[in-house]
């Protein structure tokens, strides 16, 4: 059985002729690429990183044993992942989006409202998209989100009147 994987980037295109590739970071922490030695592809195969450079919106990476443009082209569009267990913990009360997405949302009376399908970045605070009988947008605020329990897979919320 394979461990839970987390997507951190997507290979977009070759870069130059020596086997380097452009990666679109799909993480809030692109700097994590600096210290990575190994990533996984969707099929669970391992890729060892030889070097990483940052360039505008992309990361330029070189994988071991990939030495030409032709060698790397077959990986275009592939997602790069890490084991969930290899991702550092956040401080108490902070959560990665991939841990929040999929949580069951219940209100303060215990009624199930749906599951979180997306986290929207709004600037001032995140907003959780909850899909159930109807779509509900839940602001990620302490006065609304009363409990997040990753072990049991739920988020308890106290909805404001205007959200009901």
Foldseek 3Di string as FASTA:
>chain_A
DDADKDFFWAFAAADDFFAKTKIQTPAPCPVVVQPDQWWAWPVRDIWGWDDWDDDVRTIITHTPPGTGRVSNGVRHGITIIDGPVPDDDDPPPDDGFVLQFQFFEAEPVGHTDATFHDWDDDPVFIWTWGDDPHTFIHTPDCQFFPDDDSVVRHTYTHDDPVRD
